[in-house]
Protein backbone atom coordinates (compact mmCIF):
# COMPACT_ATOMS: atom_id res chain seq x y z
CA UNK A 1 126.24 91.52 153.68
CA UNK A 2 125.55 95.17 152.81
CA UNK A 3 127.97 95.12 149.88
CA UNK A 4 126.41 91.89 148.62
CA UNK A 5 123.04 93.63 148.47
CA UNK A 6 124.45 96.43 146.35
CA UNK A 7 126.32 94.16 143.94
CA UNK A 8 122.92 92.61 143.24
CA UNK A 9 121.19 95.99 143.00
CA UNK A 10 123.76 97.38 140.57
CA UNK A 11 123.46 94.24 138.43
CA UNK A 12 119.87 95.26 137.70
CA UNK A 13 120.93 98.59 136.17
CA UNK A 14 121.20 98.25 132.40
CA UNK A 15 124.30 99.79 130.88
CA UNK A 16 126.43 99.09 133.96
CA UNK A 17 128.35 95.89 133.36
CA UNK A 18 131.16 94.17 135.29
CA UNK A 19 133.89 96.54 134.09
CA UNK A 20 131.96 99.68 135.08
CA UNK A 21 131.11 98.08 138.42
CA UNK A 22 134.78 97.57 139.18
CA UNK A 23 135.42 101.24 138.33
CA UNK A 24 132.55 102.34 140.58
CA UNK A 25 133.85 100.22 143.43
CA UNK A 26 137.37 101.60 143.03
CA UNK A 27 136.17 105.21 142.82
CA UNK A 28 133.72 105.14 145.73
CA UNK A 29 135.48 102.42 147.80
CA UNK A 30 132.16 100.58 148.11
CA UNK A 31 129.15 99.98 145.88
CA UNK A 32 126.85 101.04 148.68
CA UNK A 33 128.50 104.48 148.62
CA UNK A 34 128.24 104.52 144.81
CA UNK A 35 124.51 103.80 145.12
CA UNK A 36 124.06 106.98 147.15
CA UNK A 37 126.30 109.12 144.93
CA UNK A 38 124.90 112.20 143.19
CA UNK A 39 124.72 112.42 139.39
CA UNK A 40 127.71 114.79 139.32
CA UNK A 41 129.73 112.39 141.45
CA UNK A 42 128.83 109.50 139.16
CA UNK A 43 130.03 111.45 136.14
CA UNK A 44 133.52 111.48 137.66
CA UNK A 45 133.80 107.75 136.93
CA UNK A 46 135.36 106.84 133.60
CA UNK A 47 132.77 105.42 131.21
CA UNK A 48 129.74 107.05 132.85
CA UNK A 49 128.48 109.69 130.44
CA UNK A 50 125.38 111.85 130.76
CA UNK A 51 123.01 109.30 129.20
CA UNK A 52 124.27 106.44 131.33
CA UNK A 53 124.14 108.50 134.52
CA UNK A 54 120.58 109.58 133.72
CA UNK A 55 119.58 105.93 133.16
CA UNK A 56 121.30 104.94 136.43
CA UNK A 57 119.47 107.61 138.43
CA UNK A 58 116.08 106.63 136.95
CA UNK A 59 116.59 102.91 137.53
CA UNK A 60 118.07 103.41 140.99
CA UNK A 61 114.97 105.31 142.11
CA UNK A 62 112.83 102.25 141.36
CA UNK A 63 114.95 99.75 143.31
CA UNK A 64 114.90 99.05 147.03
CA UNK A 65 118.10 96.96 147.46
CA UNK A 66 116.95 95.11 150.59
CA UNK A 67 113.54 94.30 149.08
CA UNK A 68 115.21 93.25 145.82
CA UNK A 69 117.44 90.77 147.67
CA UNK A 70 114.49 89.20 149.46
CA UNK A 71 112.54 88.79 146.22
CA UNK A 72 115.59 87.58 144.31
CA UNK A 73 116.35 84.82 146.80
CA UNK A 74 112.94 83.25 146.21
CA UNK A 75 113.94 82.07 142.73
CA UNK A 76 117.73 82.38 143.01
CA UNK A 77 118.70 81.01 146.43
CA UNK A 78 122.34 80.32 145.63
CA UNK A 79 124.67 82.96 144.28
CA UNK A 80 127.94 84.71 145.00
CA UNK A 81 129.00 88.30 144.44
CA UNK A 82 132.57 89.65 144.51
CA UNK A 83 131.79 90.83 148.07
CA UNK A 84 131.42 87.21 149.21
CA UNK A 85 134.49 85.36 150.51
CA UNK A 86 133.32 82.25 148.62
CA UNK A 87 133.48 83.98 145.22
CA UNK A 88 136.01 82.08 143.04
CA UNK A 89 139.37 83.72 143.54
CA UNK A 90 140.68 83.00 140.02
CA UNK A 91 137.61 84.64 138.53
CA UNK A 92 138.24 87.77 140.61
CA UNK A 93 141.60 88.14 138.86
CA UNK A 94 139.85 88.79 135.55
CA UNK A 95 138.94 92.28 134.25
CA UNK A 96 135.17 91.62 134.13
CA UNK A 97 134.04 89.01 136.66
CA UNK A 98 130.25 88.52 136.85
CA UNK A 99 128.64 90.82 139.41
CA UNK A 100 126.38 87.90 140.35
CA UNK A 101 127.39 84.27 139.85
CA UNK A 102 124.58 81.75 140.34
CA UNK A 103 125.25 78.11 141.15
CA UNK A 104 123.66 74.72 141.79
CA UNK A 105 125.40 71.64 143.12
CA UNK A 106 128.08 71.16 145.74
CA UNK A 107 130.52 74.07 146.24
CA UNK A 108 134.05 73.25 147.33
CA UNK A 109 135.90 75.95 149.27
CA UNK A 110 139.38 74.82 148.23
CA UNK A 111 138.26 75.07 144.61
CA UNK A 112 136.93 78.59 145.09
CA UNK A 113 140.15 79.61 146.83
CA UNK A 114 142.19 78.36 143.89
CA UNK A 115 143.82 75.57 145.90
CA UNK A 116 142.26 72.72 143.92
CA UNK A 117 143.59 73.02 140.34
CA UNK A 118 141.04 73.68 137.62
CA UNK A 119 141.53 73.09 133.89
CA UNK A 120 139.10 73.80 131.06
CA UNK A 121 138.58 71.36 128.18
CA UNK A 122 136.64 72.95 125.31
CA UNK A 123 136.03 72.43 121.63
CA UNK A 124 133.64 71.88 118.78
CA UNK A 125 130.10 70.53 119.00
CA UNK A 126 130.68 68.47 115.83
CA UNK A 127 133.57 66.41 117.10
CA UNK A 128 135.42 63.63 115.31
CA UNK A 129 136.18 60.22 116.76
CA UNK A 130 139.77 61.43 117.26
CA UNK A 131 138.63 64.48 119.22
CA UNK A 132 136.22 62.42 121.29
CA UNK A 133 138.81 59.75 122.11
CA UNK A 134 141.49 62.14 123.30
CA UNK A 135 139.09 64.44 125.13
CA UNK A 136 137.86 61.50 127.18
CA UNK A 137 141.33 60.13 127.88
CA UNK A 138 142.82 63.48 128.92
CA UNK A 139 139.79 64.51 130.98
CA UNK A 140 139.76 61.19 132.85
CA UNK A 141 143.51 61.25 133.42
CA UNK A 142 143.49 64.81 134.76
CA UNK A 143 140.50 64.05 136.98
CA UNK A 144 142.38 61.10 138.49
CA UNK A 145 145.26 63.45 139.26
CA UNK A 146 142.96 65.72 141.29
CA UNK A 147 142.13 68.37 138.67
CA UNK A 148 138.63 69.81 138.44
CA UNK A 149 137.46 69.81 134.83
CA UNK A 150 135.69 72.96 133.60
CA UNK A 151 133.57 73.13 130.45
CA UNK A 152 130.27 74.43 129.09
CA UNK A 153 128.00 71.33 128.91
CA UNK A 154 127.44 71.91 125.18
CA UNK A 155 127.22 69.04 122.71
CA UNK A 156 130.48 67.53 121.53
CA UNK A 157 133.78 68.13 123.32
CA UNK A 158 132.16 69.72 126.40
CA UNK A 159 129.86 66.76 126.97
CA UNK A 160 132.66 64.23 126.57
CA UNK A 161 134.93 66.16 128.95
CA UNK A 162 132.30 66.28 131.70
CA UNK A 163 131.20 62.69 131.20
CA UNK A 164 134.70 61.18 131.19
CA UNK A 165 135.60 63.12 134.33
CA UNK A 166 132.53 61.88 136.18
CA UNK A 167 133.08 58.28 135.04
CA UNK A 168 136.34 58.12 137.01
CA UNK A 169 134.85 59.83 140.07
CA UNK A 170 136.24 63.26 139.26
CA UNK A 171 134.77 66.68 139.91
CA UNK A 172 133.58 68.99 137.16
CA UNK A 173 132.13 72.49 136.70
CA UNK A 174 129.67 73.36 133.93
CA UNK A 175 129.29 77.04 132.98
CA UNK A 176 125.97 77.62 131.24
CA UNK A 177 124.62 80.26 128.87
CA UNK A 178 121.19 79.77 130.48
CA UNK A 179 119.90 79.93 134.03
CA UNK A 180 121.34 77.23 136.29
CA UNK A 181 117.92 75.56 136.35
CA UNK A 182 117.66 75.28 132.56
CA UNK A 183 119.23 72.23 130.90
CA UNK A 184 120.61 72.94 127.45
CA UNK A 185 120.79 70.97 125.30
CA UNK A 186 117.81 69.08 126.83
CA UNK A 187 119.35 65.68 125.99
CA UNK A 188 122.05 66.42 128.56
CA UNK A 189 119.55 66.15 131.44
CA UNK A 190 121.21 62.99 132.80
CA UNK A 191 124.67 64.59 132.58
CA UNK A 192 123.35 67.72 134.31
CA UNK A 193 121.98 65.66 137.20
CA UNK A 194 125.28 63.81 137.58
CA UNK A 195 127.23 67.08 137.64
CA UNK A 196 125.04 68.34 140.48
CA UNK A 197 126.00 65.24 142.50
CA UNK A 198 129.73 65.90 142.32
CA UNK A 199 130.35 69.37 141.03
CA UNK A 200 128.70 72.66 140.16
CA UNK A 201 126.58 74.23 137.49
CA UNK A 202 127.32 77.97 137.20
CA UNK A 203 125.89 80.93 135.30
CA UNK A 204 125.70 84.71 135.41
CA UNK A 205 122.08 84.53 134.21
CA UNK A 206 119.09 84.38 136.56
CA UNK A 207 116.93 81.31 137.04
CA UNK A 208 114.63 80.61 134.13
CA UNK A 209 116.85 82.26 131.49
CA UNK A 210 116.32 80.32 128.26
CA UNK A 211 118.93 79.63 125.57
CA UNK A 212 119.87 82.71 123.56
CA UNK A 213 122.77 82.77 121.12
CA UNK A 214 123.97 86.12 122.52
CA UNK A 215 124.50 84.60 125.99
CA UNK A 216 127.01 81.93 125.04
CA UNK A 217 130.06 83.99 123.97
CA UNK A 218 130.09 85.96 127.29
CA UNK A 219 129.94 82.74 129.32
CA UNK A 220 133.20 81.63 127.67
CA UNK A 221 135.08 84.30 129.63
CA UNK A 222 133.84 82.63 132.82
CA UNK A 223 135.12 79.23 131.69
CA UNK A 224 138.54 80.75 131.05
CA UNK A 225 138.46 82.80 134.25
CA UNK A 226 137.72 79.79 136.44
CA UNK A 227 140.62 77.81 134.96
CA UNK A 228 144.36 77.89 135.33
CA UNK A 229 144.72 76.63 131.78
CA UNK A 230 142.52 76.00 128.75
CA UNK A 231 142.88 72.89 126.58
CA UNK A 232 141.30 73.25 123.14
CA UNK A 233 140.73 69.67 122.03
CA UNK A 234 139.25 70.16 118.56
CA UNK A 235 137.93 73.34 116.96
CA UNK A 236 137.24 74.70 113.46
CA UNK A 237 138.04 78.31 112.66
CA UNK A 238 134.67 79.68 113.82
CA UNK A 239 134.35 77.63 117.00
CA UNK A 240 133.27 79.34 120.22
CA UNK A 241 136.18 77.51 121.85
CA UNK A 242 138.49 80.01 120.18
CA UNK A 243 136.77 82.79 122.14
CA UNK A 244 137.59 80.93 125.35
CA UNK A 245 141.20 80.54 124.21
CA UNK A 246 141.51 84.24 123.29
CA UNK A 247 140.14 85.29 126.69
CA UNK A 248 142.51 82.88 128.44
CA UNK A 249 145.42 84.40 126.56
CA UNK A 250 144.33 87.94 127.49
CA UNK A 251 144.12 87.10 131.21
CA UNK A 252 147.51 85.34 131.18
CA UNK A 253 146.25 81.76 131.42
CA UNK A 254 148.03 79.01 129.49
CA UNK A 255 146.44 77.71 126.30
CA UNK A 256 147.10 74.19 124.98
CA UNK A 257 145.79 72.55 121.84
CA UNK A 258 145.49 68.98 120.63
CA UNK A 259 147.39 68.70 117.37
CA UNK A 260 145.84 67.07 114.31
CA UNK A 261 146.25 66.67 110.56
CA UNK A 262 146.66 69.79 108.43
CA UNK A 263 143.79 68.71 106.18
CA UNK A 264 141.35 68.19 109.07
CA UNK A 265 138.85 71.07 108.93
CA UNK A 266 137.62 70.38 112.45
CA UNK A 267 141.06 71.19 113.81
CA UNK A 268 141.86 74.30 111.74
CA UNK A 269 141.02 76.47 114.76
CA UNK A 270 143.57 74.55 116.81
CA UNK A 271 146.20 75.08 114.11
CA UNK A 272 145.36 78.78 114.13
CA UNK A 273 145.93 78.90 117.89
CA UNK A 274 149.30 77.18 117.47
CA UNK A 275 150.30 79.86 114.95
CA UNK A 276 149.31 82.49 117.54
CA UNK A 277 151.59 81.01 120.18
CA UNK A 278 149.50 78.36 121.95
CA UNK A 279 151.32 75.26 123.20
CA UNK A 280 150.72 71.81 121.75
CA UNK A 281 149.61 69.24 124.31
CA UNK A 282 152.84 67.30 124.92
CA UNK A 283 153.37 63.66 123.99
CA UNK A 284 154.10 62.61 127.57
CA UNK A 285 151.27 63.03 130.06
CA UNK A 286 153.59 63.81 132.98
CA UNK A 287 155.03 66.65 130.93
CA UNK A 288 151.52 68.09 130.66
CA UNK A 289 151.13 67.75 134.43
CA UNK A 290 154.38 69.63 134.96
CA UNK A 291 153.23 72.42 132.64
CA UNK A 292 149.98 72.64 134.58
CA UNK A 293 151.94 73.02 137.82
CA UNK A 294 151.11 69.62 139.29
CA UNK A 295 152.72 66.26 139.90
CA UNK A 296 151.36 62.70 139.76
CA UNK A 297 149.54 61.38 142.80
CA UNK A 298 150.34 57.94 144.17
CA UNK A 299 147.72 56.17 142.03
CA UNK A 300 148.32 56.68 138.34
CA UNK A 301 145.95 56.05 135.48
CA UNK A 302 146.99 53.11 133.35
CA UNK A 303 147.31 54.42 129.80
CA UNK A 304 150.65 52.78 129.10
CA UNK A 305 149.47 51.50 125.73
CA UNK A 306 149.01 55.05 124.48
CA UNK A 307 152.07 57.20 123.64
CA UNK A 308 150.60 60.35 125.22
CA UNK A 309 150.37 58.60 128.56
CA UNK A 310 153.77 56.93 128.95
CA UNK A 311 154.41 58.26 132.42
CA UNK A 312 158.06 58.75 133.40
CA UNK A 313 158.98 60.32 136.70
CA UNK A 314 158.71 64.10 136.73
CA UNK A 315 161.99 65.88 137.20
CA UNK A 316 161.29 68.26 140.06
CA UNK A 317 162.85 71.73 139.84
CA UNK A 318 166.38 71.84 141.17
CA UNK A 319 167.26 74.40 143.81
CA UNK A 320 170.89 73.48 144.41
CA UNK A 321 172.38 76.71 143.09
CA UNK A 322 169.91 79.13 144.65
CA UNK A 323 171.09 82.20 146.62
CA UNK A 324 171.47 81.85 150.42
CA UNK A 325 168.18 81.55 152.28
CA UNK A 326 167.38 84.65 154.41
CA UNK A 327 166.95 84.34 158.17
CA UNK A 328 163.27 83.42 158.38
CA UNK A 329 160.81 81.86 160.79
CA UNK A 330 160.68 78.05 160.37
CA UNK A 331 157.43 77.90 158.41
CA UNK A 332 158.39 80.84 156.19
CA UNK A 333 161.73 79.20 155.55
CA UNK A 334 160.08 75.89 154.70
CA UNK A 335 157.81 77.52 152.11
CA UNK A 336 160.63 79.68 150.74
CA UNK A 337 162.84 76.61 150.25
CA UNK A 338 160.08 74.99 148.20
CA UNK A 339 160.00 77.88 145.70
CA UNK A 340 162.25 78.33 142.70
CA UNK A 341 162.70 81.05 140.11
CA UNK A 342 160.22 79.13 137.94
CA UNK A 343 156.49 79.61 138.73
CA UNK A 344 154.88 76.93 140.92
CA UNK A 345 151.17 76.50 141.54
CA UNK A 346 149.76 76.97 145.03
CA UNK A 347 148.70 73.34 145.40
CA UNK A 348 152.13 72.08 144.35
CA UNK A 349 153.75 74.34 146.98
CA UNK A 350 151.38 72.87 149.58
CA UNK A 351 152.30 69.33 148.50
CA UNK A 352 156.05 69.91 148.47
CA UNK A 353 156.19 71.88 151.73
CA UNK A 354 154.01 69.35 153.62
CA UNK A 355 152.25 72.23 155.38
CA UNK A 356 148.56 73.05 155.69
CA UNK A 357 147.11 75.17 152.89
CA UNK A 358 146.21 77.97 155.34
CA UNK A 359 149.80 78.05 156.65
CA UNK A 360 151.22 78.17 153.12
CA UNK A 361 148.81 80.94 152.12
CA UNK A 362 149.83 83.07 155.11
CA UNK A 363 153.53 82.39 154.52
CA UNK A 364 153.34 83.34 150.84
CA UNK A 365 151.65 86.61 151.72
CA UNK A 366 154.37 87.45 154.25
CA UNK A 367 157.13 86.50 151.82
CA UNK A 368 155.50 88.65 149.15
CA UNK A 369 155.37 91.63 151.53
CA UNK A 370 159.05 91.04 152.29
CA UNK A 371 159.85 91.27 148.60
CA UNK A 372 161.06 87.67 148.40
CA UNK A 373 158.20 86.18 146.40
CA UNK A 374 156.12 87.28 143.43
CA UNK A 375 152.56 86.12 142.74
CA UNK A 376 151.63 85.48 139.12
CA UNK A 377 148.17 85.03 137.54
CA UNK A 378 146.54 81.66 138.23
CA UNK A 379 147.80 81.50 141.84
CA UNK A 380 151.39 80.69 140.82
CA UNK A 381 154.39 81.88 142.79
CA UNK A 382 158.10 82.27 142.24
CA UNK A 383 161.14 83.67 144.02
CA UNK A 384 161.97 87.23 143.08
């Protein structure tokens, strides 16, 4: 609780963003200790020059952390800081996670822990019929397979991704560039209310924050950070979706794009991403599931009339020629046998091992400490 107070207090100090906060925490072990540090001690932290330290000292003198928390909770009752166990684990893997992440709706612990798979669908506000059609079909199909759909509740692709997910009873997260109590665009009020019923609205901005064009590019890093993969459905060359894709690439998340005609301006950003190494969304839907580290559930969506969704059986990774299994405890052995030299997502390991998620999590940690398993970004694991 004490650290939570100081994450909030530090977030009020201008000039000290998420990256500097991580450096302060690393240098002083805790942000509470950093709060009490002398100016000379603060100067030892990379990025804190004389002017910044002077500003920190002046601002710090005006803040009572405990009083600030009490006042803050009056208008912002629901938020997480990196000190909270509920803070989204995938977001913590990023270089600059928000020091305070506000939310409204229904949190889901397995989602925050990275157990429930999350995928972002993003794209242009001025979408074509082609972009709309495939955004809705892919969002709905992924939602039926148990994926949480992440987007930004903007006009166009974002709106269609959220709406299609909710139509099939799926769960979706909307990351806003406003406060979580501000609906933007206003015409999405109905969509916003539906998201609150079966999902979350998230933002790093305090309640009441109105739309500002400077707030939207930073929120794209949160969309990418919350997701194992980013699917860019349709985007021109100056689309904000390309920012999300670039961030995803930097933090080692997979980027997929929906291919389109070469003479389609609204997809030129997608073509640019393909030239930079992004992966085209595959023709077969089950192939996309495999790439995302999942497998079909018992009930499949019926899209047999569409070539993208001809659903053959997934070929599960073969482990016949693996090295001998070490002498392990039964549960460790069961998890180890599930792994291959190719990365597998946490939820797929849980499914294939038939063990509880908590047991699998503990086993993977022990196997990692034993040097038998390596964890990759996005909560994926493979044998060393």
